[in-house]
Amino acid sequence: DAFTCSGNSVILERGTFNANGYNVTLSSSASRFNCTTTNTKTLALGSGTFTLSGSGSTNRGFLYTSTGLTVTGNGTIKMSGAGVKYFEGGGIQTWPTIDNANSGTLVITGANKFADITYSYSATGAATITFPAGVTNEFTAFSATGASGKVLTIVSDDLGLQTTLKKSSSWTVGAN
């Protein structure tokens, strides 16, 4: 069955968290999913959606390090908190989809591989997606879009340095 937690965080310290294709919802405004220890552990995303409502500097959203961690599956990680949301990927290589599902900034760290990046909140608000300078994030698709008066801004975390966004097929870029 689906997993819902109204507490502040879920911490995967060792062992396996297997979503088994079900949805995982962390509904607190302070929610985060944390896999930062160096112990051996597996996060099996499956094909479900991980919804995280946390935002802000102490409620960092989705954090993990690649040390000791195996990630499987290609589900969606939906960052739905208002304000600044953090996806600290640690170099995720499993091609999930990441969705900025609310207004505010989505900060992505690490050199990650995503199936897609979406912005499901684009119909009602403006947002920014920040990528780390000097590294490459790869995408199969890049579906995040803004709209007239609801601009989606894509920036490097160091305005003096470039970030690289790589996609194997052609890019379609437009402006209002």
Protein backbone atom coordinates (compact mmCIF):
# COMPACT_ATOMS: atom_id res chain seq x y z
CA ASP A 1 0.00 0.00 0.00
CA ALA A 2 0.94 3.66 -0.25
CA PHE A 3 3.09 5.15 2.53
CA THR A 4 2.04 8.44 4.13
CA CYS A 5 3.93 10.18 6.93
CA SER A 6 2.82 13.41 8.58
CA GLY A 7 6.01 13.61 10.67
CA ASN A 8 9.08 15.64 9.82
CA SER A 9 11.33 13.13 8.09
CA VAL A 10 12.06 9.61 6.97
CA ILE A 11 15.67 8.55 7.41
CA LEU A 12 17.11 5.55 5.57
CA GLU A 13 20.24 4.74 7.54
CA ARG A 14 20.79 1.11 6.44
CA GLY A 15 18.85 -1.70 4.82
CA THR A 16 16.24 -1.22 2.08
CA PHE A 17 13.33 1.16 1.63
CA ASN A 18 11.22 -0.44 -1.09
CA ALA A 19 8.28 1.63 -2.32
CA ASN A 20 7.30 -1.35 -4.50
CA GLY A 21 5.63 0.89 -7.09
CA TYR A 22 3.43 2.64 -4.52
CA ASN A 23 3.32 6.35 -3.76
CA VAL A 24 5.18 7.79 -0.76
CA THR A 25 3.90 11.06 0.75
CA LEU A 26 5.69 13.09 3.39
CA SER A 27 3.07 15.73 4.12
CA SER A 28 4.59 17.91 6.87
CA SER A 29 5.90 21.34 5.86
CA ALA A 30 9.13 20.19 7.55
CA SER A 31 9.26 16.86 5.69
CA ARG A 32 12.38 15.43 4.13
CA PHE A 33 13.73 12.09 2.94
CA ASN A 34 17.27 11.58 4.17
CA CYS A 35 19.81 8.90 3.10
CA THR A 36 23.08 10.56 4.03
CA THR A 37 24.91 7.96 6.14
CA THR A 38 27.73 5.93 4.58
CA ASN A 39 26.15 2.62 5.62
CA THR A 40 25.10 0.15 2.91
CA LYS A 41 21.49 0.87 1.96
CA THR A 42 19.06 0.65 -0.97
CA LEU A 43 16.36 3.08 -1.98
CA ALA A 44 13.98 1.29 -4.37
CA LEU A 45 11.98 4.15 -5.90
CA GLY A 46 10.01 1.87 -8.17
CA SER A 47 7.51 3.58 -10.46
CA GLY A 48 5.56 5.49 -7.80
CA THR A 49 5.69 9.15 -6.77
CA PHE A 50 7.60 10.44 -3.74
CA THR A 51 5.87 13.65 -2.65
CA LEU A 52 7.81 15.86 -0.25
CA SER A 53 6.16 18.97 1.20
CA GLY A 54 9.18 20.35 3.08
CA SER A 55 11.00 23.54 2.14
CA GLY A 56 13.52 25.94 3.61
CA SER A 57 17.14 25.66 4.68
CA THR A 58 16.51 23.15 7.48
CA ASN A 59 13.77 21.16 5.73
CA ARG A 60 15.87 20.22 2.77
CA GLY A 61 13.48 17.94 0.88
CA PHE A 62 15.28 15.01 -0.72
CA LEU A 63 18.86 14.44 0.43
CA TYR A 64 21.21 11.62 -0.16
CA THR A 65 24.78 10.83 -0.82
CA SER A 66 26.03 8.23 -3.27
CA THR A 67 28.35 6.71 -0.63
CA GLY A 68 26.94 3.33 0.37
CA LEU A 69 23.67 3.92 -1.43
CA THR A 70 22.11 1.99 -4.31
CA VAL A 71 19.06 3.58 -5.95
CA THR A 72 16.74 1.60 -8.23
CA GLY A 73 13.60 2.53 -10.15
CA ASN A 74 12.56 5.58 -12.10
CA GLY A 75 9.60 7.04 -10.21
CA THR A 76 8.80 10.72 -9.74
CA ILE A 77 10.16 12.88 -6.94
CA LYS A 78 7.59 15.63 -6.43
CA MET A 79 8.86 18.63 -4.47
CA SER A 80 5.60 20.30 -3.37
CA GLY A 81 6.65 22.62 -0.54
CA ALA A 82 6.15 26.36 -0.95
CA GLY A 83 9.34 28.39 -0.98
CA VAL A 84 12.85 27.02 -1.49
CA LYS A 85 13.06 23.24 -2.00
CA TYR A 86 16.29 21.24 -2.09
CA PHE A 87 17.06 18.10 -4.07
CA GLU A 88 20.53 17.12 -2.90
CA GLY A 89 21.03 14.22 -5.26
CA GLY A 90 24.56 13.18 -4.45
CA GLY A 91 24.95 12.25 -8.12
CA ILE A 92 21.81 10.14 -8.59
CA GLN A 93 22.24 7.96 -11.68
CA THR A 94 18.86 6.20 -11.91
CA TRP A 95 16.88 8.58 -14.13
CA PRO A 96 13.86 9.53 -11.94
CA THR A 97 11.59 12.40 -12.90
CA ILE A 98 11.78 15.44 -10.65
CA ASP A 99 8.78 17.77 -10.40
CA ASN A 100 8.87 21.30 -8.97
CA ALA A 101 5.25 21.20 -7.86
CA ASN A 102 4.91 24.57 -6.15
CA SER A 103 6.09 28.16 -6.44
CA GLY A 104 9.53 29.19 -5.32
CA THR A 105 12.99 27.90 -6.07
CA LEU A 106 14.04 24.29 -6.58
CA VAL A 107 17.75 23.91 -5.81
CA ILE A 108 19.41 20.82 -7.29
CA THR A 109 22.90 19.80 -6.16
CA GLY A 110 25.25 17.20 -7.59
CA ALA A 111 25.74 15.78 -11.08
CA ASN A 112 22.52 13.79 -11.54
CA LYS A 113 20.70 11.89 -14.27
CA PHE A 114 16.97 12.48 -14.61
CA ALA A 115 14.34 11.00 -16.92
CA ASP A 116 12.58 14.36 -16.96
CA ILE A 117 12.20 17.59 -15.06
CA THR A 118 8.71 19.02 -14.86
CA TYR A 119 7.09 22.07 -13.36
CA SER A 120 3.49 21.08 -12.64
CA TYR A 121 2.79 24.38 -10.84
CA SER A 122 3.46 26.50 -13.95
CA ALA A 123 -0.20 27.32 -14.53
CA THR A 124 -0.40 29.43 -11.38
CA GLY A 125 3.01 30.82 -10.43
CA ALA A 126 6.58 31.72 -11.32
CA ALA A 127 9.57 29.67 -10.16
CA THR A 128 13.32 29.20 -10.43
CA ILE A 129 15.31 26.00 -10.87
CA THR A 130 18.92 26.33 -9.71
CA PHE A 131 21.61 23.89 -10.86
CA PRO A 132 25.17 23.61 -9.52
CA ALA A 133 27.94 25.43 -11.35
CA GLY A 134 30.69 23.43 -13.04
CA VAL A 135 28.87 20.07 -13.20
CA THR A 136 26.58 18.34 -15.70
CA ASN A 137 23.01 17.22 -15.06
CA GLU A 138 21.62 14.90 -17.74
CA PHE A 139 18.03 14.49 -18.91
CA THR A 140 16.11 12.21 -21.24
CA ALA A 141 13.43 14.92 -21.45
CA PHE A 142 13.14 18.46 -20.10
CA SER A 143 9.44 19.30 -19.85
CA ALA A 144 9.56 22.18 -17.36
CA THR A 145 7.91 25.23 -18.89
CA GLY A 146 6.67 28.60 -17.79
CA ALA A 147 3.85 30.66 -19.21
CA SER A 148 3.12 34.29 -19.93
CA GLY A 149 3.48 36.13 -16.62
CA LYS A 150 4.56 32.89 -14.92
CA VAL A 151 8.22 32.74 -15.84
CA LEU A 152 10.38 29.69 -15.19
CA THR A 153 13.95 30.84 -14.59
CA ILE A 154 16.87 28.39 -14.90
CA VAL A 155 20.14 29.52 -13.30
CA SER A 156 23.52 28.36 -12.03
CA ASP A 157 24.11 28.53 -8.27
CA ASP A 158 27.17 30.69 -9.02
CA LEU A 159 26.11 33.46 -11.36
CA GLY A 160 29.73 33.80 -12.51
CA LEU A 161 29.98 30.16 -13.65
CA GLN A 162 28.00 28.00 -16.04
CA THR A 163 26.12 24.84 -15.29
CA THR A 164 25.73 22.19 -18.00
CA LEU A 165 22.38 20.63 -18.85
CA LYS A 166 22.74 17.67 -21.21
CA LYS A 167 19.99 15.99 -23.21
CA SER A 168 20.54 13.21 -25.76
CA SER A 169 17.89 14.53 -28.18
CA SER A 170 17.31 18.04 -29.46
CA TRP A 171 16.20 20.87 -27.20
CA THR A 172 13.19 23.07 -27.86
CA VAL A 173 13.62 26.51 -26.33
CA GLY A 174 11.10 29.32 -26.45
CA ALA A 175 10.47 32.65 -24.81
CA ASN A 176 7.49 34.87 -24.16
